[in-house]
């Protein structure tokens, strides 16, 4: 009987998972939805940019400031940092942070969306992705610092969008640029990796191809 049950288990087809198909729809989520953009930006583009910046911030931290950060993990955390917006959509920052009630309610909705997304994974794979979306309480100082850099990368990406819009002649993002720049400058005062990035990498954004090459 045991042999029969084992054979039956081995031949069973694995359940279908929609996880990656859902993630692939990040390209349909438009950011800055209340703003007039010279070029639309989708969530997939933003997530890739945040991953690249977060990875570089960790590399800077390791090479220049003696840290032992997992740069590849930072890139992965960044890739998933807004995954819940596939379900919730991108709520504009002025709305999301208008007051504590809205902010807390949105965080609860965001958590529910992440749980729903994880629920589309096979059960044996979920812990690996839970660890990316939700750090363990005892994750340690390096993990906490890594996630601060991912958050900084997210804000830097927003600033880059504002800079590029300004270079295209669009004044719609002037106020957003001032707000983003103030937030990033504050982060740079606490995170030397951010300060180095702003000095060495940020000035090139918005330049023409001829200027870059």
N, C-alpha and C. Protein backbone atom coordinates (compact mmCIF):
# COMPACT_ATOMS: atom_id res chain seq x y z
N UNK A 1 0.83 -1.20 0.00
CA UNK A 1 0.00 0.00 0.00
C UNK A 1 0.87 1.26 0.00
N UNK A 2 1.95 1.24 0.81
CA UNK A 2 2.83 2.39 0.87
C UNK A 2 3.46 2.66 -0.49
N UNK A 3 3.88 1.58 -1.18
CA UNK A 3 4.49 1.74 -2.50
C UNK A 3 3.50 2.35 -3.48
N UNK A 4 2.24 1.95 -3.41
CA UNK A 4 1.21 2.48 -4.30
C UNK A 4 1.00 3.97 -4.05
N UNK A 5 0.94 4.36 -2.78
CA UNK A 5 0.73 5.77 -2.46
C UNK A 5 1.92 6.63 -2.93
N UNK A 6 3.14 6.10 -2.77
CA UNK A 6 4.32 6.82 -3.20
C UNK A 6 4.32 7.01 -4.70
N UNK A 7 3.97 5.96 -5.42
CA UNK A 7 3.93 6.05 -6.88
C UNK A 7 2.89 7.07 -7.32
N UNK A 8 1.75 7.08 -6.61
CA UNK A 8 0.69 8.03 -6.94
C UNK A 8 1.16 9.45 -6.72
N UNK A 9 1.92 9.67 -5.61
CA UNK A 9 2.43 11.01 -5.31
C UNK A 9 3.42 11.46 -6.37
N UNK A 10 4.32 10.56 -6.77
CA UNK A 10 5.36 10.92 -7.74
C UNK A 10 4.77 11.29 -9.09
N UNK A 11 3.66 10.69 -9.44
CA UNK A 11 3.08 10.94 -10.76
C UNK A 11 2.11 12.12 -10.76
N UNK A 12 1.84 12.67 -9.59
CA UNK A 12 0.88 13.77 -9.51
C UNK A 12 1.44 15.01 -10.17
N UNK A 13 0.61 15.74 -10.87
CA UNK A 13 1.01 16.97 -11.51
C UNK A 13 1.06 18.09 -10.47
N UNK A 14 2.10 18.91 -10.47
CA UNK A 14 2.14 20.04 -9.52
C UNK A 14 1.04 21.04 -9.83
N UNK A 15 0.55 21.70 -8.79
CA UNK A 15 -0.52 22.67 -8.98
C UNK A 15 0.01 23.86 -9.79
N UNK A 16 -0.85 24.44 -10.58
CA UNK A 16 -0.48 25.60 -11.38
C UNK A 16 -0.29 26.82 -10.49
N UNK A 17 0.76 27.58 -10.73
CA UNK A 17 1.02 28.80 -9.97
C UNK A 17 0.94 30.01 -10.88
N UNK A 18 0.20 31.04 -10.43
CA UNK A 18 0.05 32.26 -11.21
C UNK A 18 1.07 33.33 -10.81
N UNK A 19 1.97 33.01 -9.88
CA UNK A 19 2.84 34.01 -9.26
C UNK A 19 3.60 34.85 -10.28
N UNK A 20 4.37 34.22 -11.14
CA UNK A 20 5.19 34.97 -12.09
C UNK A 20 4.35 35.65 -13.17
N UNK A 21 3.24 35.04 -13.53
CA UNK A 21 2.36 35.68 -14.51
C UNK A 21 1.77 36.97 -13.93
N UNK A 22 1.47 36.94 -12.63
CA UNK A 22 0.98 38.15 -11.98
C UNK A 22 2.07 39.21 -11.96
N UNK A 23 3.28 38.82 -11.59
CA UNK A 23 4.39 39.77 -11.55
C UNK A 23 4.67 40.39 -12.91
N UNK A 24 4.45 39.62 -13.95
CA UNK A 24 4.72 40.13 -15.30
C UNK A 24 3.82 41.31 -15.65
N UNK A 25 2.77 41.49 -14.89
CA UNK A 25 1.83 42.59 -15.16
C UNK A 25 2.27 43.91 -14.54
N UNK A 26 3.47 43.93 -13.94
CA UNK A 26 4.00 45.19 -13.44
C UNK A 26 4.13 46.22 -14.56
N UNK A 27 4.34 45.72 -15.77
CA UNK A 27 4.51 46.65 -16.89
C UNK A 27 3.23 47.39 -17.24
N UNK A 28 2.09 46.96 -16.69
CA UNK A 28 0.82 47.63 -16.97
C UNK A 28 0.44 48.65 -15.90
N UNK A 29 1.23 48.72 -14.81
CA UNK A 29 0.92 49.65 -13.72
C UNK A 29 1.67 50.95 -13.97
N UNK A 30 0.94 52.00 -14.26
CA UNK A 30 1.56 53.28 -14.56
C UNK A 30 1.80 54.08 -13.28
N UNK A 31 2.99 54.61 -13.15
CA UNK A 31 3.34 55.46 -12.01
C UNK A 31 3.03 56.92 -12.32
N UNK A 32 3.03 57.75 -11.26
CA UNK A 32 2.78 59.19 -11.41
C UNK A 32 1.46 59.45 -12.13
N UNK A 33 0.44 58.71 -11.74
CA UNK A 33 -0.82 58.73 -12.49
C UNK A 33 -1.54 60.08 -12.45
N UNK A 34 -1.27 60.90 -11.46
CA UNK A 34 -1.92 62.21 -11.39
C UNK A 34 -1.09 63.32 -12.05
N UNK A 35 0.07 62.94 -12.59
CA UNK A 35 0.99 63.92 -13.15
C UNK A 35 0.99 63.83 -14.68
N UNK A 36 1.23 64.98 -15.30
CA UNK A 36 1.38 65.02 -16.76
C UNK A 36 2.85 64.75 -17.08
N UNK A 37 3.13 63.57 -17.62
CA UNK A 37 4.51 63.16 -17.90
C UNK A 37 4.84 63.32 -19.37
N UNK A 38 6.09 63.65 -19.65
CA UNK A 38 6.52 63.69 -21.04
C UNK A 38 6.69 62.27 -21.57
N UNK A 39 7.00 61.33 -20.66
CA UNK A 39 7.07 59.92 -21.01
C UNK A 39 6.56 59.10 -19.85
N UNK A 40 5.54 58.27 -20.06
CA UNK A 40 5.00 57.47 -18.97
C UNK A 40 6.07 56.52 -18.41
N UNK A 41 5.95 56.22 -17.13
CA UNK A 41 6.85 55.27 -16.48
C UNK A 41 6.01 54.18 -15.84
N UNK A 42 6.33 52.92 -16.12
CA UNK A 42 5.56 51.84 -15.51
C UNK A 42 6.33 51.22 -14.34
N UNK A 43 5.63 50.39 -13.58
CA UNK A 43 6.19 49.82 -12.36
C UNK A 43 7.36 48.88 -12.66
N UNK A 44 7.32 48.20 -13.78
CA UNK A 44 8.41 47.30 -14.14
C UNK A 44 9.70 48.08 -14.35
N UNK A 45 9.62 49.19 -15.06
CA UNK A 45 10.79 50.04 -15.29
C UNK A 45 11.34 50.58 -13.97
N UNK A 46 10.44 51.06 -13.15
CA UNK A 46 10.84 51.62 -11.86
C UNK A 46 11.53 50.57 -10.99
N UNK A 47 10.99 49.37 -10.93
CA UNK A 47 11.55 48.32 -10.08
C UNK A 47 12.96 47.94 -10.53
N UNK A 48 13.16 47.87 -11.84
CA UNK A 48 14.50 47.57 -12.35
C UNK A 48 15.48 48.67 -11.97
N UNK A 49 15.07 49.92 -12.12
CA UNK A 49 15.96 51.03 -11.79
C UNK A 49 16.30 51.03 -10.31
N UNK A 50 15.32 50.79 -9.46
CA UNK A 50 15.57 50.75 -8.01
C UNK A 50 16.53 49.61 -7.68
N UNK A 51 16.38 48.47 -8.36
CA UNK A 51 17.27 47.34 -8.12
C UNK A 51 18.71 47.68 -8.49
N UNK A 52 18.90 48.36 -9.62
CA UNK A 52 20.25 48.73 -10.06
C UNK A 52 20.87 49.72 -9.07
N UNK A 53 20.09 50.69 -8.63
CA UNK A 53 20.61 51.70 -7.70
C UNK A 53 20.91 51.07 -6.34
N UNK A 54 20.00 50.23 -5.84
CA UNK A 54 20.21 49.59 -4.54
C UNK A 54 21.46 48.71 -4.56
N UNK A 55 21.64 47.99 -5.65
CA UNK A 55 22.84 47.16 -5.79
C UNK A 55 24.09 48.03 -5.72
N UNK A 56 24.10 49.15 -6.45
CA UNK A 56 25.26 50.03 -6.46
C UNK A 56 25.51 50.66 -5.08
N UNK A 57 24.45 51.04 -4.39
CA UNK A 57 24.62 51.60 -3.05
C UNK A 57 25.30 50.60 -2.12
N UNK A 58 24.91 49.33 -2.22
CA UNK A 58 25.54 48.30 -1.38
C UNK A 58 26.99 48.08 -1.78
N UNK A 59 27.26 48.10 -3.08
CA UNK A 59 28.65 47.95 -3.55
C UNK A 59 29.50 49.10 -3.00
N UNK A 60 28.99 50.31 -3.07
CA UNK A 60 29.70 51.46 -2.51
C UNK A 60 29.95 51.26 -1.02
N UNK A 61 28.92 50.80 -0.30
CA UNK A 61 29.07 50.57 1.13
C UNK A 61 30.14 49.54 1.45
N UNK A 62 30.18 48.46 0.67
CA UNK A 62 31.15 47.40 0.92
C UNK A 62 32.57 47.83 0.58
N UNK A 63 32.74 48.49 -0.57
CA UNK A 63 34.07 48.85 -1.05
C UNK A 63 34.66 50.04 -0.28
N UNK A 64 33.82 51.04 0.00
CA UNK A 64 34.35 52.29 0.56
C UNK A 64 34.16 52.43 2.07
N UNK A 65 33.18 51.74 2.61
CA UNK A 65 32.87 51.98 4.02
C UNK A 65 32.94 50.71 4.88
N UNK A 66 33.55 49.67 4.31
CA UNK A 66 33.83 48.47 5.09
C UNK A 66 32.61 47.68 5.53
N UNK A 67 31.52 47.82 4.83
CA UNK A 67 30.33 47.07 5.22
C UNK A 67 30.35 45.67 4.60
N UNK A 68 29.47 44.81 5.05
CA UNK A 68 29.35 43.45 4.52
C UNK A 68 27.90 43.22 4.11
N UNK A 69 27.46 43.99 3.13
CA UNK A 69 26.08 43.93 2.67
C UNK A 69 25.96 42.98 1.48
N UNK A 70 24.84 42.30 1.38
CA UNK A 70 24.56 41.39 0.26
C UNK A 70 23.94 42.21 -0.87
N UNK A 71 24.77 42.67 -1.79
CA UNK A 71 24.29 43.55 -2.86
C UNK A 71 23.28 42.85 -3.76
N UNK A 72 23.47 41.56 -4.00
CA UNK A 72 22.52 40.82 -4.83
C UNK A 72 21.17 40.71 -4.14
N UNK A 73 21.18 40.52 -2.84
CA UNK A 73 19.91 40.48 -2.10
C UNK A 73 19.22 41.83 -2.16
N UNK A 74 19.99 42.91 -2.06
CA UNK A 74 19.40 44.25 -2.14
C UNK A 74 18.69 44.43 -3.48
N UNK A 75 19.31 43.97 -4.55
CA UNK A 75 18.68 44.07 -5.87
C UNK A 75 17.38 43.27 -5.91
N UNK A 76 17.37 42.10 -5.28
CA UNK A 76 16.17 41.26 -5.27
C UNK A 76 15.06 41.91 -4.45
N UNK A 77 15.41 42.42 -3.27
CA UNK A 77 14.42 43.12 -2.44
C UNK A 77 13.83 44.29 -3.21
N UNK A 78 14.68 45.00 -3.93
CA UNK A 78 14.22 46.15 -4.71
C UNK A 78 13.28 45.73 -5.83
N UNK A 79 13.56 44.63 -6.48
CA UNK A 79 12.70 44.16 -7.57
C UNK A 79 11.28 43.88 -7.08
N UNK A 80 11.17 43.45 -5.82
CA UNK A 80 9.86 43.10 -5.27
C UNK A 80 9.24 44.20 -4.41
N UNK A 81 9.94 45.33 -4.24
CA UNK A 81 9.53 46.28 -3.21
C UNK A 81 8.14 46.89 -3.46
N UNK A 82 7.71 46.97 -4.70
CA UNK A 82 6.39 47.52 -5.02
C UNK A 82 5.47 46.49 -5.66
N UNK A 83 5.78 45.21 -5.48
CA UNK A 83 5.00 44.17 -6.15
C UNK A 83 3.52 44.21 -5.78
N UNK A 84 3.21 44.65 -4.58
CA UNK A 84 1.81 44.70 -4.15
C UNK A 84 0.98 45.64 -5.02
N UNK A 85 1.63 46.60 -5.69
CA UNK A 85 0.90 47.57 -6.50
C UNK A 85 0.28 46.95 -7.74
N UNK A 86 0.68 45.73 -8.07
CA UNK A 86 0.00 45.01 -9.14
C UNK A 86 -1.47 44.84 -8.77
N UNK A 87 -1.73 44.67 -7.49
CA UNK A 87 -3.10 44.48 -6.99
C UNK A 87 -3.72 45.80 -6.55
N UNK A 88 -2.95 46.63 -5.87
CA UNK A 88 -3.50 47.88 -5.31
C UNK A 88 -3.46 49.05 -6.28
N UNK A 89 -2.58 48.97 -7.28
CA UNK A 89 -2.32 50.13 -8.11
C UNK A 89 -1.36 51.07 -7.40
N UNK A 90 -0.87 52.07 -8.10
CA UNK A 90 0.07 53.03 -7.53
C UNK A 90 -0.71 54.21 -6.95
N UNK A 91 -0.77 54.27 -5.64
CA UNK A 91 -1.46 55.38 -4.99
C UNK A 91 -0.51 56.56 -4.92
N UNK A 92 -0.88 57.72 -5.48
CA UNK A 92 0.02 58.87 -5.48
C UNK A 92 0.48 59.24 -4.08
N UNK A 93 1.75 59.63 -3.96
CA UNK A 93 2.34 59.95 -2.66
C UNK A 93 1.55 61.01 -1.88
N UNK A 94 1.09 62.11 -2.51
CA UNK A 94 0.34 63.10 -1.73
C UNK A 94 -0.94 62.53 -1.11
N UNK A 95 -1.50 61.52 -1.76
CA UNK A 95 -2.70 60.88 -1.22
C UNK A 95 -2.31 59.88 -0.13
N UNK A 96 -1.30 59.07 -0.44
CA UNK A 96 -0.88 57.99 0.47
C UNK A 96 -0.46 58.52 1.83
N UNK A 97 0.24 59.67 1.83
CA UNK A 97 0.79 60.21 3.08
C UNK A 97 0.07 61.48 3.52
N UNK A 98 -1.17 61.64 3.08
CA UNK A 98 -1.93 62.85 3.44
C UNK A 98 -2.13 62.95 4.94
N UNK A 99 -2.44 61.82 5.58
CA UNK A 99 -2.55 61.81 7.04
C UNK A 99 -2.33 60.39 7.54
N UNK A 100 -2.19 60.25 8.85
CA UNK A 100 -1.86 58.96 9.44
C UNK A 100 -2.90 57.90 9.17
N UNK A 101 -4.16 58.29 9.13
CA UNK A 101 -5.23 57.31 8.93
C UNK A 101 -5.12 56.66 7.56
N UNK A 102 -4.93 57.50 6.53
CA UNK A 102 -4.80 56.97 5.18
C UNK A 102 -3.53 56.13 5.05
N UNK A 103 -2.43 56.63 5.64
CA UNK A 103 -1.16 55.89 5.56
C UNK A 103 -1.28 54.51 6.19
N UNK A 104 -1.87 54.44 7.37
CA UNK A 104 -2.00 53.16 8.06
C UNK A 104 -2.95 52.23 7.32
N UNK A 105 -4.03 52.78 6.79
CA UNK A 105 -4.98 51.96 6.04
C UNK A 105 -4.32 51.39 4.80
N UNK A 106 -3.51 52.23 4.12
CA UNK A 106 -2.85 51.75 2.90
C UNK A 106 -1.83 50.67 3.23
N UNK A 107 -1.11 50.81 4.35
CA UNK A 107 -0.15 49.78 4.73
C UNK A 107 -0.84 48.44 4.97
N UNK A 108 -2.05 48.48 5.55
CA UNK A 108 -2.80 47.25 5.77
C UNK A 108 -3.23 46.64 4.44
N UNK A 109 -3.67 47.48 3.52
CA UNK A 109 -4.07 47.00 2.19
C UNK A 109 -2.85 46.42 1.46
N UNK A 110 -1.73 47.09 1.60
CA UNK A 110 -0.49 46.65 0.96
C UNK A 110 -0.07 45.28 1.50
N UNK A 111 -0.16 45.11 2.80
CA UNK A 111 0.20 43.82 3.41
C UNK A 111 -0.74 42.73 2.92
N UNK A 112 -2.03 43.03 2.84
CA UNK A 112 -3.00 42.05 2.35
C UNK A 112 -2.70 41.66 0.90
N UNK A 113 -2.31 42.64 0.09
CA UNK A 113 -1.98 42.36 -1.31
C UNK A 113 -0.74 41.48 -1.41
N UNK A 114 0.26 41.74 -0.54
CA UNK A 114 1.46 40.91 -0.55
C UNK A 114 1.14 39.48 -0.14
N UNK A 115 0.26 39.32 0.84
CA UNK A 115 -0.14 37.98 1.27
C UNK A 115 -0.88 37.26 0.15
N UNK A 116 -1.71 37.98 -0.57
CA UNK A 116 -2.42 37.38 -1.69
C UNK A 116 -1.46 36.96 -2.79
N UNK A 117 -0.47 37.80 -3.04
CA UNK A 117 0.53 37.47 -4.05
C UNK A 117 1.32 36.23 -3.65
N UNK A 118 1.77 36.18 -2.40
CA UNK A 118 2.50 35.01 -1.92
C UNK A 118 1.63 33.77 -1.95
N UNK A 119 0.34 33.94 -1.74
CA UNK A 119 -0.58 32.81 -1.76
C UNK A 119 -0.68 32.15 -3.12
N UNK A 120 -0.21 32.83 -4.16
CA UNK A 120 -0.25 32.23 -5.50
C UNK A 120 0.97 31.35 -5.77
N UNK A 121 1.90 31.31 -4.81
CA UNK A 121 3.08 30.46 -4.93
C UNK A 121 2.80 29.06 -4.38
N UNK A 122 3.47 28.05 -4.89
CA UNK A 122 3.41 26.73 -4.23
C UNK A 122 3.89 26.87 -2.79
N UNK A 123 3.27 26.14 -1.88
CA UNK A 123 3.54 26.30 -0.45
C UNK A 123 5.01 26.13 -0.10
N UNK A 124 5.71 25.21 -0.78
CA UNK A 124 7.11 24.96 -0.42
C UNK A 124 8.04 26.09 -0.85
N UNK A 125 7.59 26.97 -1.76
CA UNK A 125 8.43 28.06 -2.24
C UNK A 125 8.17 29.37 -1.50
N UNK A 126 7.06 29.45 -0.79
CA UNK A 126 6.67 30.71 -0.16
C UNK A 126 7.69 31.25 0.84
N UNK A 127 8.27 30.41 1.71
CA UNK A 127 9.21 30.98 2.70
C UNK A 127 10.36 31.77 2.07
N UNK A 128 10.83 31.34 0.91
CA UNK A 128 11.94 32.04 0.26
C UNK A 128 11.55 33.45 -0.16
N UNK A 129 10.31 33.63 -0.59
CA UNK A 129 9.86 34.95 -1.02
C UNK A 129 9.36 35.78 0.16
N UNK A 130 8.82 35.11 1.20
CA UNK A 130 8.44 35.84 2.41
C UNK A 130 9.65 36.54 2.99
N UNK A 131 10.79 35.89 2.94
CA UNK A 131 12.02 36.45 3.47
C UNK A 131 12.45 37.69 2.69
N UNK A 132 12.05 37.79 1.43
CA UNK A 132 12.38 38.95 0.61
C UNK A 132 11.42 40.10 0.92
N UNK A 133 10.14 39.80 1.00
CA UNK A 133 9.13 40.83 1.23
C UNK A 133 9.12 41.31 2.68
N UNK A 134 9.30 40.38 3.60
CA UNK A 134 9.18 40.72 5.02
C UNK A 134 10.42 40.23 5.77
N UNK A 135 11.29 41.12 6.18
CA UNK A 135 12.49 40.69 6.91
C UNK A 135 12.12 40.11 8.27
N UNK A 136 12.89 39.12 8.69
CA UNK A 136 12.66 38.52 10.01
C UNK A 136 12.98 39.54 11.09
N UNK A 137 12.29 39.42 12.22
CA UNK A 137 12.48 40.36 13.32
C UNK A 137 13.91 40.34 13.84
N UNK A 138 14.58 39.18 13.72
CA UNK A 138 15.94 39.05 14.22
C UNK A 138 16.95 39.07 13.06
N UNK A 139 16.61 39.78 11.99
CA UNK A 139 17.44 39.75 10.78
C UNK A 139 18.81 40.37 10.98
N UNK A 140 18.93 41.29 11.91
CA UNK A 140 20.24 41.87 12.20
C UNK A 140 20.43 43.24 11.59
N UNK A 141 21.53 43.89 11.99
CA UNK A 141 21.80 45.26 11.58
C UNK A 141 22.09 45.39 10.09
N UNK A 142 22.81 44.43 9.52
CA UNK A 142 23.14 44.51 8.09
C UNK A 142 21.88 44.49 7.23
N UNK A 143 20.92 43.63 7.60
CA UNK A 143 19.67 43.56 6.84
C UNK A 143 18.89 44.86 6.98
N UNK A 144 18.86 45.41 8.18
CA UNK A 144 18.15 46.67 8.39
C UNK A 144 18.80 47.79 7.57
N UNK A 145 20.12 47.81 7.53
CA UNK A 145 20.82 48.84 6.77
C UNK A 145 20.60 48.65 5.27
N UNK A 146 20.62 47.41 4.84
CA UNK A 146 20.37 47.10 3.43
C UNK A 146 19.01 47.63 3.00
N UNK A 147 18.01 47.44 3.83
CA UNK A 147 16.66 47.89 3.48
C UNK A 147 16.55 49.41 3.54
N UNK A 148 17.34 50.05 4.35
CA UNK A 148 17.39 51.52 4.32
C UNK A 148 17.94 51.99 2.97
N UNK A 149 18.93 51.28 2.46
CA UNK A 149 19.50 51.63 1.17
C UNK A 149 18.51 51.36 0.04
N UNK A 150 17.72 50.30 0.15
CA UNK A 150 16.69 50.04 -0.87
C UNK A 150 15.65 51.16 -0.85
N UNK A 151 15.27 51.59 0.34
CA UNK A 151 14.33 52.71 0.45
C UNK A 151 14.92 53.98 -0.15
N UNK A 152 16.21 54.20 0.09
CA UNK A 152 16.88 55.35 -0.50
C UNK A 152 16.91 55.24 -2.02
N UNK A 153 17.16 54.04 -2.52
CA UNK A 153 17.18 53.83 -3.97
C UNK A 153 15.82 54.14 -4.59
N UNK A 154 14.77 53.78 -3.88
CA UNK A 154 13.41 54.07 -4.34
C UNK A 154 13.19 55.58 -4.47
N UNK A 155 13.63 56.32 -3.47
CA UNK A 155 13.48 57.78 -3.50
C UNK A 155 14.39 58.42 -4.56
N UNK A 156 15.59 57.86 -4.73
CA UNK A 156 16.50 58.36 -5.77
C UNK A 156 15.88 58.15 -7.15
N UNK A 157 15.25 57.01 -7.34
CA UNK A 157 14.59 56.73 -8.63
C UNK A 157 13.51 57.76 -8.91
N UNK A 158 12.76 58.12 -7.89
CA UNK A 158 11.72 59.15 -8.06
C UNK A 158 12.35 60.49 -8.42
N UNK A 159 13.48 60.81 -7.77
CA UNK A 159 14.17 62.06 -8.09
C UNK A 159 14.67 62.05 -9.53
N UNK A 160 15.18 60.92 -9.97
CA UNK A 160 15.67 60.80 -11.35
C UNK A 160 14.54 61.07 -12.33
N UNK A 161 13.37 60.54 -12.06
CA UNK A 161 12.21 60.78 -12.92
C UNK A 161 11.93 62.29 -13.00
N UNK A 162 11.97 62.95 -11.86
CA UNK A 162 11.71 64.39 -11.83
C UNK A 162 12.77 65.17 -12.62
N UNK A 163 14.02 64.76 -12.47
CA UNK A 163 15.12 65.42 -13.19
C UNK A 163 14.94 65.25 -14.69
N UNK A 164 14.59 64.05 -15.11
CA UNK A 164 14.43 63.79 -16.54
C UNK A 164 13.25 64.57 -17.11
N UNK A 165 12.18 64.67 -16.34
CA UNK A 165 11.04 65.46 -16.79
C UNK A 165 11.42 66.93 -16.92
N UNK A 166 12.17 67.44 -15.97
CA UNK A 166 12.61 68.84 -16.02
C UNK A 166 13.49 69.09 -17.24
N UNK A 167 14.40 68.14 -17.53
CA UNK A 167 15.28 68.30 -18.68
C UNK A 167 14.51 68.27 -19.99
N UNK A 168 13.33 67.63 -19.97
CA UNK A 168 12.51 67.58 -21.19
C UNK A 168 11.66 68.84 -21.35
N UNK A 169 11.73 69.74 -20.38
CA UNK A 169 10.97 70.98 -20.45
C UNK A 169 9.62 70.93 -19.76
N UNK A 170 9.36 69.85 -19.05
CA UNK A 170 8.08 69.68 -18.35
C UNK A 170 8.19 70.26 -16.94
N UNK A 171 7.42 71.29 -16.66
CA UNK A 171 7.46 71.93 -15.34
C UNK A 171 6.51 71.28 -14.34
N UNK A 172 5.77 70.30 -14.78
CA UNK A 172 4.79 69.63 -13.93
C UNK A 172 5.43 69.01 -12.68
N UNK A 173 6.70 68.61 -12.80
CA UNK A 173 7.36 67.87 -11.73
C UNK A 173 8.23 68.76 -10.84
N UNK A 174 8.13 70.09 -10.99
CA UNK A 174 9.01 70.99 -10.23
C UNK A 174 8.83 70.82 -8.73
N UNK A 175 7.59 70.78 -8.27
CA UNK A 175 7.34 70.63 -6.84
C UNK A 175 7.77 69.25 -6.34
N UNK A 176 7.48 68.23 -7.14
CA UNK A 176 7.87 66.87 -6.77
C UNK A 176 9.38 66.74 -6.70
N UNK A 177 10.09 67.41 -7.62
CA UNK A 177 11.55 67.36 -7.60
C UNK A 177 12.10 67.99 -6.33
N UNK A 178 11.55 69.12 -5.93
CA UNK A 178 12.02 69.77 -4.71
C UNK A 178 11.80 68.88 -3.50
N UNK A 179 10.64 68.23 -3.44
CA UNK A 179 10.32 67.35 -2.33
C UNK A 179 11.23 66.13 -2.31
N UNK A 180 11.41 65.51 -3.48
CA UNK A 180 12.26 64.33 -3.57
C UNK A 180 13.71 64.66 -3.24
N UNK A 181 14.17 65.80 -3.73
CA UNK A 181 15.56 66.19 -3.49
C UNK A 181 15.81 66.44 -2.00
N UNK A 182 14.85 67.06 -1.34
CA UNK A 182 14.99 67.30 0.10
C UNK A 182 15.05 65.98 0.86
N UNK A 183 14.21 65.02 0.47
CA UNK A 183 14.20 63.72 1.13
C UNK A 183 15.50 62.97 0.89
N UNK A 184 15.99 63.01 -0.33
CA UNK A 184 17.22 62.31 -0.66
C UNK A 184 18.42 62.97 0.03
N UNK A 185 18.43 64.29 0.09
CA UNK A 185 19.52 64.99 0.78
C UNK A 185 19.55 64.62 2.26
N UNK A 186 18.38 64.48 2.85
CA UNK A 186 18.32 64.08 4.26
C UNK A 186 18.88 62.66 4.44
N UNK A 187 18.54 61.77 3.51
CA UNK A 187 19.09 60.41 3.56
C UNK A 187 20.60 60.43 3.39
N UNK A 188 21.08 61.31 2.51
CA UNK A 188 22.52 61.40 2.26
C UNK A 188 23.28 61.86 3.49
N UNK A 189 22.62 62.64 4.35
CA UNK A 189 23.28 63.11 5.57
C UNK A 189 23.49 61.98 6.58
N UNK A 190 22.73 60.89 6.41
CA UNK A 190 22.82 59.75 7.32
C UNK A 190 23.48 58.53 6.68
N UNK A 191 23.40 58.44 5.35
CA UNK A 191 23.89 57.27 4.62
C UNK A 191 24.98 57.74 3.65
N UNK A 192 26.24 57.49 3.94
CA UNK A 192 27.31 57.98 3.06
C UNK A 192 27.26 57.39 1.66
N UNK A 193 26.69 56.20 1.53
CA UNK A 193 26.55 55.60 0.20
C UNK A 193 25.66 56.46 -0.69
N UNK A 194 24.62 57.02 -0.10
CA UNK A 194 23.71 57.88 -0.86
C UNK A 194 24.42 59.16 -1.25
N UNK A 195 25.20 59.72 -0.35
CA UNK A 195 25.95 60.94 -0.65
C UNK A 195 26.89 60.72 -1.82
N UNK A 196 27.59 59.58 -1.83
CA UNK A 196 28.50 59.28 -2.93
C UNK A 196 27.74 59.11 -4.24
N UNK A 197 26.59 58.44 -4.18
CA UNK A 197 25.79 58.24 -5.39
C UNK A 197 25.34 59.58 -5.97
N UNK A 198 24.87 60.45 -5.13
CA UNK A 198 24.40 61.75 -5.59
C UNK A 198 25.52 62.55 -6.24
N UNK A 199 26.71 62.43 -5.70
CA UNK A 199 27.84 63.20 -6.22
C UNK A 199 28.37 62.62 -7.54
N UNK A 200 28.41 61.29 -7.64
CA UNK A 200 29.09 60.66 -8.76
C UNK A 200 28.17 60.15 -9.87
N UNK A 201 26.95 59.77 -9.53
CA UNK A 201 26.08 59.14 -10.52
C UNK A 201 24.88 60.00 -10.94
N UNK A 202 24.30 60.70 -9.99
CA UNK A 202 23.08 61.43 -10.29
C UNK A 202 23.24 62.49 -11.39
N UNK A 203 24.35 63.24 -11.44
CA UNK A 203 24.44 64.32 -12.43
C UNK A 203 24.27 63.87 -13.88
N UNK A 204 24.54 62.62 -14.18
CA UNK A 204 24.45 62.14 -15.56
C UNK A 204 23.02 61.90 -16.03
N UNK A 205 22.11 61.73 -15.09
CA UNK A 205 20.72 61.44 -15.48
C UNK A 205 20.09 62.66 -16.12
N UNK A 206 19.36 62.43 -17.19
CA UNK A 206 18.74 63.51 -17.92
C UNK A 206 19.60 64.05 -19.04
N UNK A 207 20.88 63.60 -19.10
CA UNK A 207 21.77 64.03 -20.17
C UNK A 207 21.38 63.36 -21.48
N UNK A 208 21.78 63.95 -22.57
CA UNK A 208 21.51 63.36 -23.89
C UNK A 208 22.48 62.21 -24.15
N UNK A 209 22.16 61.38 -25.13
CA UNK A 209 23.04 60.26 -25.47
C UNK A 209 24.42 60.76 -25.90
N UNK A 210 24.45 61.86 -26.66
CA UNK A 210 25.73 62.41 -27.10
C UNK A 210 26.56 62.86 -25.89
N UNK A 211 25.89 63.40 -24.88
CA UNK A 211 26.61 63.85 -23.69
C UNK A 211 27.15 62.66 -22.89
N UNK A 212 26.40 61.56 -22.90
CA UNK A 212 26.80 60.39 -22.13
C UNK A 212 27.92 59.60 -22.80
N UNK A 213 27.89 59.57 -24.14
CA UNK A 213 28.86 58.74 -24.86
C UNK A 213 29.92 59.59 -25.55
